[in-house]
């Protein structure tokens, strides 16, 4: 019924897709199942938290540009090597 009401109230495809996503569920957005149902996201919801997700993506891309990924990889390798020496 909610889908019918949405279709009757707008011809905006983006709005209709948001309504469908809310009703159907976002599915396992971090995995392979995309047909709705339970989300693998524990604290976020794709529609409700879309702005926060976009901001986090932008920050992650900026950190990656600054070389954080490589620096983090080197730090982990160093800590792994230290831990192996101690065991």
PDB file of N, CA and C in Angstrom:
ATOM      1  N   UNK A   1       0.816  -1.190   0.000  1.00  0.00           N
ATOM      2  CA  UNK A   1       0.000   0.000   0.000  1.00  0.00           C
ATOM      3  C   UNK A   1       0.869   1.267   0.000  1.00  0.00           C
ATOM      4  N   UNK A   2       1.955   1.228   0.772  1.00  0.00           N
ATOM      5  CA  UNK A   2       2.840   2.396   0.829  1.00  0.00           C
ATOM      6  C   UNK A   2       3.488   2.661  -0.531  1.00  0.00           C
ATOM      7  N   UNK A   3       3.838   1.602  -1.261  1.00  0.00           N
ATOM      8  CA  UNK A   3       4.410   1.780  -2.601  1.00  0.00           C
ATOM      9  C   UNK A   3       3.393   2.433  -3.535  1.00  0.00           C
ATOM     10  N   UNK A   4       2.157   1.980  -3.460  1.00  0.00           N
ATOM     11  CA  UNK A   4       1.111   2.567  -4.304  1.00  0.00           C
ATOM     12  C   UNK A   4       0.904   4.033  -3.966  1.00  0.00           C
ATOM     13  N   UNK A   5       0.908   4.354  -2.682  1.00  0.00           N
ATOM     14  CA  UNK A   5       0.753   5.752  -2.270  1.00  0.00           C
ATOM     15  C   UNK A   5       1.922   6.595  -2.787  1.00  0.00           C
ATOM     16  N   UNK A   6       3.137   6.050  -2.735  1.00  0.00           N
ATOM     17  CA  UNK A   6       4.309   6.772  -3.217  1.00  0.00           C
ATOM     18  C   UNK A   6       4.213   7.020  -4.715  1.00  0.00           C
ATOM     19  N   UNK A   7       3.815   6.001  -5.471  1.00  0.00           N
ATOM     20  CA  UNK A   7       3.687   6.138  -6.925  1.00  0.00           C
ATOM     21  C   UNK A   7       2.609   7.168  -7.266  1.00  0.00           C
ATOM     22  N   UNK A   8       1.531   7.165  -6.496  1.00  0.00           N
ATOM     23  CA  UNK A   8       0.436   8.099  -6.756  1.00  0.00           C
ATOM     24  C   UNK A   8       0.804   9.534  -6.385  1.00  0.00           C
ATOM     25  N   UNK A   9       1.737   9.696  -5.453  1.00  0.00           N
ATOM     26  CA  UNK A   9       2.040  11.033  -4.950  1.00  0.00           C
ATOM     27  C   UNK A   9       3.165  11.746  -5.691  1.00  0.00           C
ATOM     28  N   UNK A  10       3.978  11.038  -6.474  1.00  0.00           N
ATOM     29  CA  UNK A  10       5.107  11.681  -7.140  1.00  0.00           C
ATOM     30  C   UNK A  10       5.486  10.954  -8.425  1.00  0.00           C
ATOM     31  N   UNK A  11       6.121  11.676  -9.302  1.00  0.00           N
ATOM     32  CA  UNK A  11       6.700  11.037 -10.486  1.00  0.00           C
ATOM     33  C   UNK A  11       8.222  11.193 -10.451  1.00  0.00           C
ATOM     34  N   UNK A  12       8.754  11.525  -9.289  1.00  0.00           N
ATOM     35  CA  UNK A  12      10.204  11.668  -9.076  1.00  0.00           C
ATOM     36  C   UNK A  12      10.802  10.283  -8.836  1.00  0.00           C
ATOM     37  N   UNK A  13      11.577   9.813  -9.808  1.00  0.00           N
ATOM     38  CA  UNK A  13      12.164   8.473  -9.718  1.00  0.00           C
ATOM     39  C   UNK A  13      13.075   8.298  -8.523  1.00  0.00           C
ATOM     40  N   UNK A  14      13.812   9.347  -8.152  1.00  0.00           N
ATOM     41  CA  UNK A  14      14.704   9.257  -6.995  1.00  0.00           C
ATOM     42  C   UNK A  14      13.911   9.075  -5.709  1.00  0.00           C
ATOM     43  N   UNK A  15      12.821   9.822  -5.573  1.00  0.00           N
ATOM     44  CA  UNK A  15      11.975   9.705  -4.382  1.00  0.00           C
ATOM     45  C   UNK A  15      11.354   8.311  -4.322  1.00  0.00           C
ATOM     46  N   UNK A  16      10.903   7.806  -5.462  1.00  0.00           N
ATOM     47  CA  UNK A  16      10.313   6.469  -5.492  1.00  0.00           C
ATOM     48  C   UNK A  16      11.338   5.402  -5.118  1.00  0.00           C
ATOM     49  N   UNK A  17      12.574   5.562  -5.590  1.00  0.00           N
ATOM     50  CA  UNK A  17      13.597   4.575  -5.252  1.00  0.00           C
ATOM     51  C   UNK A  17      13.945   4.622  -3.764  1.00  0.00           C
ATOM     52  N   UNK A  18      13.913   5.817  -3.165  1.00  0.00           N
ATOM     53  CA  UNK A  18      14.153   5.909  -1.723  1.00  0.00           C
ATOM     54  C   UNK A  18      13.044   5.221  -0.934  1.00  0.00           C
ATOM     55  N   UNK A  19      11.802   5.437  -1.340  1.00  0.00           N
ATOM     56  CA  UNK A  19      10.675   4.777  -0.680  1.00  0.00           C
ATOM     57  C   UNK A  19      10.818   3.267  -0.802  1.00  0.00           C
ATOM     58  N   UNK A  20      11.152   2.789  -2.007  1.00  0.00           N
ATOM     59  CA  UNK A  20      11.337   1.354  -2.226  1.00  0.00           C
ATOM     60  C   UNK A  20      12.454   0.809  -1.343  1.00  0.00           C
ATOM     61  N   UNK A  21      13.559   1.536  -1.269  1.00  0.00           N
ATOM     62  CA  UNK A  21      14.683   1.105  -0.438  1.00  0.00           C
ATOM     63  C   UNK A  21      14.289   1.028   1.032  1.00  0.00           C
ATOM     64  N   UNK A  22      13.547   2.017   1.503  1.00  0.00           N
ATOM     65  CA  UNK A  22      13.094   2.008   2.894  1.00  0.00           C
ATOM     66  C   UNK A  22      12.166   0.829   3.177  1.00  0.00           C
ATOM     67  N   UNK A  23      11.276   0.544   2.236  1.00  0.00           N
ATOM     68  CA  UNK A  23      10.307  -0.540   2.434  1.00  0.00           C
ATOM     69  C   UNK A  23      10.940  -1.915   2.271  1.00  0.00           C
ATOM     70  N   UNK A  24      11.811  -2.053   1.290  1.00  0.00           N
ATOM     71  CA  UNK A  24      12.408  -3.337   0.945  1.00  0.00           C
ATOM     72  C   UNK A  24      13.583  -3.675   1.846  1.00  0.00           C
ATOM     73  N   UNK A  25      14.300  -2.642   2.288  1.00  0.00           N
ATOM     74  CA  UNK A  25      15.510  -2.856   3.070  1.00  0.00           C
ATOM     75  C   UNK A  25      16.719  -2.748   2.173  1.00  0.00           C
ATOM     76  N   UNK A  26      17.849  -2.403   2.757  1.00  0.00           N
ATOM     77  CA  UNK A  26      19.049  -2.142   1.971  1.00  0.00           C
ATOM     78  C   UNK A  26      19.871  -3.384   1.690  1.00  0.00           C
ATOM     79  N   UNK A  27      19.564  -4.467   2.353  1.00  0.00           N
ATOM     80  CA  UNK A  27      20.319  -5.696   2.133  1.00  0.00           C
ATOM     81  C   UNK A  27      21.706  -5.611   2.743  1.00  0.00           C
ATOM     82  N   UNK A  28      22.544  -6.509   2.338  1.00  0.00           N
ATOM     83  CA  UNK A  28      23.905  -6.588   2.861  1.00  0.00           C
ATOM     84  C   UNK A  28      24.804  -5.703   2.002  1.00  0.00           C
ATOM     85  N   UNK A  29      24.805  -4.400   2.271  1.00  0.00           N
ATOM     86  CA  UNK A  29      25.516  -3.451   1.407  1.00  0.00           C
ATOM     87  C   UNK A  29      27.023  -3.649   1.436  1.00  0.00           C
ATOM     88  N   UNK A  30      27.553  -4.332   2.414  1.00  0.00           N
ATOM     89  CA  UNK A  30      28.983  -4.597   2.481  1.00  0.00           C
ATOM     90  C   UNK A  30      29.334  -5.983   1.951  1.00  0.00           C
ATOM     91  N   UNK A  31      28.333  -6.736   1.552  1.00  0.00           N
ATOM     92  CA  UNK A  31      28.581  -8.094   1.075  1.00  0.00           C
ATOM     93  C   UNK A  31      27.993  -8.317  -0.299  1.00  0.00           C
ATOM     94  N   UNK A  32      27.556  -9.520  -0.546  1.00  0.00           N
ATOM     95  CA  UNK A  32      27.079  -9.896  -1.881  1.00  0.00           C
ATOM     96  C   UNK A  32      25.569  -9.867  -2.028  1.00  0.00           C
ATOM     97  N   UNK A  33      24.824  -9.955  -0.937  1.00  0.00           N
ATOM     98  CA  UNK A  33      23.368  -9.995  -1.018  1.00  0.00           C
ATOM     99  C   UNK A  33      22.815  -8.583  -1.131  1.00  0.00           C
ATOM    100  N   UNK A  34      22.146  -8.288  -2.234  1.00  0.00           N
ATOM    101  CA  UNK A  34      21.635  -6.941  -2.456  1.00  0.00           C
ATOM    102  C   UNK A  34      20.136  -6.934  -2.702  1.00  0.00           C
ATOM    103  N   UNK A  35      19.454  -7.956  -2.278  1.00  0.00           N
ATOM    104  CA  UNK A  35      18.030  -8.048  -2.593  1.00  0.00           C
ATOM    105  C   UNK A  35      17.142  -7.598  -1.440  1.00  0.00           C
ATOM    106  N   UNK A  36      17.655  -6.759  -0.586  1.00  0.00           N
ATOM    107  CA  UNK A  36      16.861  -6.295   0.540  1.00  0.00           C
ATOM    108  C   UNK A  36      17.085  -7.162   1.752  1.00  0.00           C
ATOM    109  N   UNK A  37      16.287  -6.943   2.754  1.00  0.00           N
ATOM    110  CA  UNK A  37      16.418  -7.717   3.974  1.00  0.00           C
ATOM    111  C   UNK A  37      17.335  -7.045   4.970  1.00  0.00           C
ATOM    112  N   UNK A  38      17.901  -7.840   5.828  1.00  0.00           N
ATOM    113  CA  UNK A  38      18.705  -7.315   6.928  1.00  0.00           C
ATOM    114  C   UNK A  38      20.045  -6.762   6.439  1.00  0.00           C
ATOM    115  N   UNK A  39      20.384  -5.598   6.950  1.00  0.00           N
ATOM    116  CA  UNK A  39      21.628  -4.934   6.582  1.00  0.00           C
ATOM    117  C   UNK A  39      22.778  -5.430   7.441  1.00  0.00           C
ATOM    118  N   UNK A  40      23.976  -5.440   6.853  1.00  0.00           N
ATOM    119  CA  UNK A  40      25.168  -5.780   7.632  1.00  0.00           C
ATOM    120  C   UNK A  40      25.691  -4.566   8.393  1.00  0.00           C
ATOM    121  N   UNK A  41      25.161  -3.397   8.098  1.00  0.00           N
ATOM    122  CA  UNK A  41      25.578  -2.196   8.817  1.00  0.00           C
ATOM    123  C   UNK A  41      24.964  -2.207  10.210  1.00  0.00           C
ATOM    124  N   UNK A  42      25.786  -2.043  11.221  1.00  0.00           N
ATOM    125  CA  UNK A  42      25.299  -2.118  12.597  1.00  0.00           C
ATOM    126  C   UNK A  42      24.785  -0.771  13.099  1.00  0.00           C
ATOM    127  N   UNK A  43      25.450   0.325  12.726  1.00  0.00           N
ATOM    128  CA  UNK A  43      25.110   1.624  13.295  1.00  0.00           C
ATOM    129  C   UNK A  43      24.552   2.617  12.282  1.00  0.00           C
ATOM    130  N   UNK A  44      24.615   2.308  11.007  1.00  0.00           N
ATOM    131  CA  UNK A  44      24.183   3.230   9.962  1.00  0.00           C
ATOM    132  C   UNK A  44      23.051   2.650   9.139  1.00  0.00           C
ATOM    133  N   UNK A  45      22.276   3.532   8.556  1.00  0.00           N
ATOM    134  CA  UNK A  45      21.261   3.150   7.582  1.00  0.00           C
ATOM    135  C   UNK A  45      21.512   3.976   6.337  1.00  0.00           C
ATOM    136  N   UNK A  46      21.477   3.344   5.178  1.00  0.00           N
ATOM    137  CA  UNK A  46      21.869   3.977   3.926  1.00  0.00           C
ATOM    138  C   UNK A  46      21.095   5.268   3.667  1.00  0.00           C
ATOM    139  N   UNK A  47      19.801   5.260   3.820  1.00  0.00           N
ATOM    140  CA  UNK A  47      18.993   6.452   3.541  1.00  0.00           C
ATOM    141  C   UNK A  47      19.147   7.486   4.654  1.00  0.00           C
ATOM    142  N   UNK A  48      18.940   7.076   5.875  1.00  0.00           N
ATOM    143  CA  UNK A  48      18.960   8.013   7.003  1.00  0.00           C
ATOM    144  C   UNK A  48      20.325   8.658   7.187  1.00  0.00           C
ATOM    145  N   UNK A  49      21.389   7.924   6.949  1.00  0.00           N
ATOM    146  CA  UNK A  49      22.736   8.409   7.210  1.00  0.00           C
ATOM    147  C   UNK A  49      23.535   8.677   5.940  1.00  0.00           C
ATOM    148  N   UNK A  50      22.852   8.941   4.833  1.00  0.00           N
ATOM    149  CA  UNK A  50      23.528   9.130   3.547  1.00  0.00           C
ATOM    150  C   UNK A  50      24.548  10.268   3.601  1.00  0.00           C
ATOM    151  N   UNK A  51      24.211  11.371   4.234  1.00  0.00           N
ATOM    152  CA  UNK A  51      25.133  12.512   4.300  1.00  0.00           C
ATOM    153  C   UNK A  51      26.383  12.148   5.100  1.00  0.00           C
ATOM    154  N   UNK A  52      26.205  11.473   6.208  1.00  0.00           N
ATOM    155  CA  UNK A  52      27.342  11.052   7.034  1.00  0.00           C
ATOM    156  C   UNK A  52      28.241  10.074   6.265  1.00  0.00           C
ATOM    157  N   UNK A  53      27.636   9.155   5.537  1.00  0.00           N
ATOM    158  CA  UNK A  53      28.394   8.190   4.748  1.00  0.00           C
ATOM    159  C   UNK A  53      29.212   8.916   3.675  1.00  0.00           C
ATOM    160  N   UNK A  54      28.612   9.909   3.014  1.00  0.00           N
ATOM    161  CA  UNK A  54      29.324  10.678   1.993  1.00  0.00           C
ATOM    162  C   UNK A  54      30.497  11.453   2.601  1.00  0.00           C
ATOM    163  N   UNK A  55      30.292  12.037   3.781  1.00  0.00           N
ATOM    164  CA  UNK A  55      31.376  12.773   4.451  1.00  0.00           C
ATOM    165  C   UNK A  55      32.514  11.837   4.830  1.00  0.00           C
ATOM    166  N   UNK A  56      32.175  10.663   5.348  1.00  0.00           N
ATOM    167  CA  UNK A  56      33.201   9.685   5.736  1.00  0.00           C
ATOM    168  C   UNK A  56      33.973   9.218   4.504  1.00  0.00           C
ATOM    169  N   UNK A  57      33.276   9.020   3.396  1.00  0.00           N
ATOM    170  CA  UNK A  57      33.941   8.616   2.160  1.00  0.00           C
ATOM    171  C   UNK A  57      34.932   9.683   1.708  1.00  0.00           C
ATOM    172  N   UNK A  58      34.507  10.934   1.753  1.00  0.00           N
ATOM    173  CA  UNK A  58      35.380  12.032   1.365  1.00  0.00           C
ATOM    174  C   UNK A  58      36.613  12.122   2.250  1.00  0.00           C
ATOM    175  N   UNK A  59      36.427  11.962   3.549  1.00  0.00           N
ATOM    176  CA  UNK A  59      37.564  11.988   4.477  1.00  0.00           C
ATOM    177  C   UNK A  59      38.512  10.828   4.219  1.00  0.00           C
ATOM    178  N   UNK A  60      37.963   9.650   3.976  1.00  0.00           N
ATOM    179  CA  UNK A  60      38.803   8.480   3.692  1.00  0.00           C
ATOM    180  C   UNK A  60      39.603   8.678   2.409  1.00  0.00           C
ATOM    181  N   UNK A  61      38.970   9.243   1.392  1.00  0.00           N
ATOM    182  CA  UNK A  61      39.687   9.503   0.135  1.00  0.00           C
ATOM    183  C   UNK A  61      40.810  10.516   0.343  1.00  0.00           C
ATOM    184  N   UNK A  62      40.550  11.544   1.146  1.00  0.00           N
ATOM    185  CA  UNK A  62      41.582  12.549   1.432  1.00  0.00           C
ATOM    186  C   UNK A  62      42.752  11.937   2.203  1.00  0.00           C
ATOM    187  N   UNK A  63      42.453  11.105   3.183  1.00  0.00           N
ATOM    188  CA  UNK A  63      43.514  10.435   3.934  1.00  0.00           C
ATOM    189  C   UNK A  63      44.335   9.517   3.025  1.00  0.00           C
ATOM    190  N   UNK A  64      43.655   8.860   2.114  1.00  0.00           N
ATOM    191  CA  UNK A  64      44.350   7.985   1.172  1.00  0.00           C
ATOM    192  C   UNK A  64      45.285   8.788   0.272  1.00  0.00           C
ATOM    193  N   UNK A  65      44.827   9.949  -0.186  1.00  0.00           N
ATOM    194  CA  UNK A  65      45.664  10.818  -1.015  1.00  0.00           C
ATOM    195  C   UNK A  65      46.910  11.270  -0.263  1.00  0.00           C
ATOM    196  N   UNK A  66      46.773  11.452   1.037  1.00  0.00           N
ATOM    197  CA  UNK A  66      47.897  11.901   1.857  1.00  0.00           C
ATOM    198  C   UNK A  66      48.852  10.762   2.209  1.00  0.00           C
ATOM    199  N   UNK A  67      48.548   9.553   1.747  1.00  0.00           N
ATOM    200  CA  UNK A  67      49.429   8.421   1.969  1.00  0.00           C
ATOM    201  C   UNK A  67      49.182   7.664   3.259  1.00  0.00           C
ATOM    202  N   UNK A  68      48.056   7.886   3.900  1.00  0.00           N
ATOM    203  CA  UNK A  68      47.785   7.196   5.157  1.00  0.00           C
ATOM    204  C   UNK A  68      47.737   5.696   4.975  1.00  0.00           C
ATOM    205  N   UNK A  69      47.195   5.229   3.851  1.00  0.00           N
ATOM    206  CA  UNK A  69      47.100   3.783   3.615  1.00  0.00           C
ATOM    207  C   UNK A  69      48.460   3.122   3.638  1.00  0.00           C
ATOM    208  N   UNK A  70      49.412   3.721   2.951  1.00  0.00           N
ATOM    209  CA  UNK A  70      50.768   3.168   2.911  1.00  0.00           C
ATOM    210  C   UNK A  70      51.431   3.270   4.290  1.00  0.00           C
ATOM    211  N   UNK A  71      51.250   4.396   4.947  1.00  0.00           N
ATOM    212  CA  UNK A  71      51.826   4.568   6.289  1.00  0.00           C
ATOM    213  C   UNK A  71      51.241   3.555   7.270  1.00  0.00           C
ATOM    214  N   UNK A  72      49.952   3.333   7.180  1.00  0.00           N
ATOM    215  CA  UNK A  72      49.294   2.370   8.057  1.00  0.00           C
ATOM    216  C   UNK A  72      49.794   0.956   7.777  1.00  0.00           C
ATOM    217  N   UNK A  73      49.945   0.602   6.500  1.00  0.00           N
ATOM    218  CA  UNK A  73      50.460  -0.718   6.138  1.00  0.00           C
ATOM    219  C   UNK A  73      51.862  -0.928   6.717  1.00  0.00           C
ATOM    220  N   UNK A  74      52.724   0.079   6.608  1.00  0.00           N
ATOM    221  CA  UNK A  74      54.082  -0.025   7.134  1.00  0.00           C
ATOM    222  C   UNK A  74      54.077  -0.170   8.657  1.00  0.00           C
ATOM    223  N   UNK A  75      53.214   0.575   9.332  1.00  0.00           N
ATOM    224  CA  UNK A  75      53.115   0.485  10.789  1.00  0.00           C
ATOM    225  C   UNK A  75      52.664  -0.910  11.221  1.00  0.00           C
ATOM    226  N   UNK A  76      51.677  -1.461  10.522  1.00  0.00           N
ATOM    227  CA  UNK A  76      51.183  -2.799  10.858  1.00  0.00           C
ATOM    228  C   UNK A  76      52.273  -3.836  10.631  1.00  0.00           C
ATOM    229  N   UNK A  77      52.993  -3.724   9.525  1.00  0.00           N
ATOM    230  CA  UNK A  77      54.087  -4.663   9.259  1.00  0.00           C
ATOM    231  C   UNK A  77      55.157  -4.579  10.347  1.00  0.00           C
ATOM    232  N   UNK A  78      55.476  -3.378  10.784  1.00  0.00           N
ATOM    233  CA  UNK A  78      56.478  -3.186  11.838  1.00  0.00           C
ATOM    234  C   UNK A  78      56.005  -3.810  13.153  1.00  0.00           C
ATOM    235  N   UNK A  79      54.750  -3.577  13.496  1.00  0.00           N
ATOM    236  CA  UNK A  79      54.206  -4.148  14.739  1.00  0.00           C
ATOM    237  C   UNK A  79      54.119  -5.666  14.654  1.00  0.00           C
ATOM    238  N   UNK A  80      53.753  -6.194  13.490  1.00  0.00           N
ATOM    239  CA  UNK A  80      53.723  -7.650  13.307  1.00  0.00           C
ATOM    240  C   UNK A  80      55.116  -8.247  13.487  1.00  0.00           C
ATOM    241  N   UNK A  81      56.125  -7.600  12.890  1.00  0.00           N
ATOM    242  CA  UNK A  81      57.490  -8.087  12.999  1.00  0.00           C
ATOM    243  C   UNK A  81      57.951  -8.081  14.455  1.00  0.00           C
ATOM    244  N   UNK A  82      57.618  -7.009  15.172  1.00  0.00           N
ATOM    245  CA  UNK A  82      57.981  -6.906  16.590  1.00  0.00           C
ATOM    246  C   UNK A  82      57.308  -8.018  17.396  1.00  0.00           C
ATOM    247  N   UNK A  83      56.015  -8.234  17.128  1.00  0.00           N
ATOM    248  CA  UNK A  83      55.282  -9.266  17.854  1.00  0.00           C
ATOM    249  C   UNK A  83      55.834 -10.649  17.574  1.00  0.00           C
ATOM    250  N   UNK A  84      56.253 -10.907  16.330  1.00  0.00           N
ATOM    251  CA  UNK A  84      56.815 -12.215  15.986  1.00  0.00           C
ATOM    252  C   UNK A  84      58.151 -12.430  16.672  1.00  0.00           C
ATOM    253  N   UNK A  85      58.963 -11.384  16.814  1.00  0.00           N
ATOM    254  CA  UNK A  85      60.249 -11.493  17.487  1.00  0.00           C
ATOM    255  C   UNK A  85      60.077 -11.815  18.964  1.00  0.00           C
ATOM    256  N   UNK A  86      58.998 -11.294  19.567  1.00  0.00           N
ATOM    257  CA  UNK A  86      58.762 -11.476  20.988  1.00  0.00           C
ATOM    258  C   UNK A  86      58.163 -12.842  21.305  1.00  0.00           C
ATOM    259  N   UNK A  87      57.616 -13.514  20.316  1.00  0.00           N
ATOM    260  CA  UNK A  87      56.966 -14.804  20.603  1.00  0.00           C
ATOM    261  C   UNK A  87      57.867 -15.980  20.424  1.00  0.00           C
TER     262      UNK A  87
END
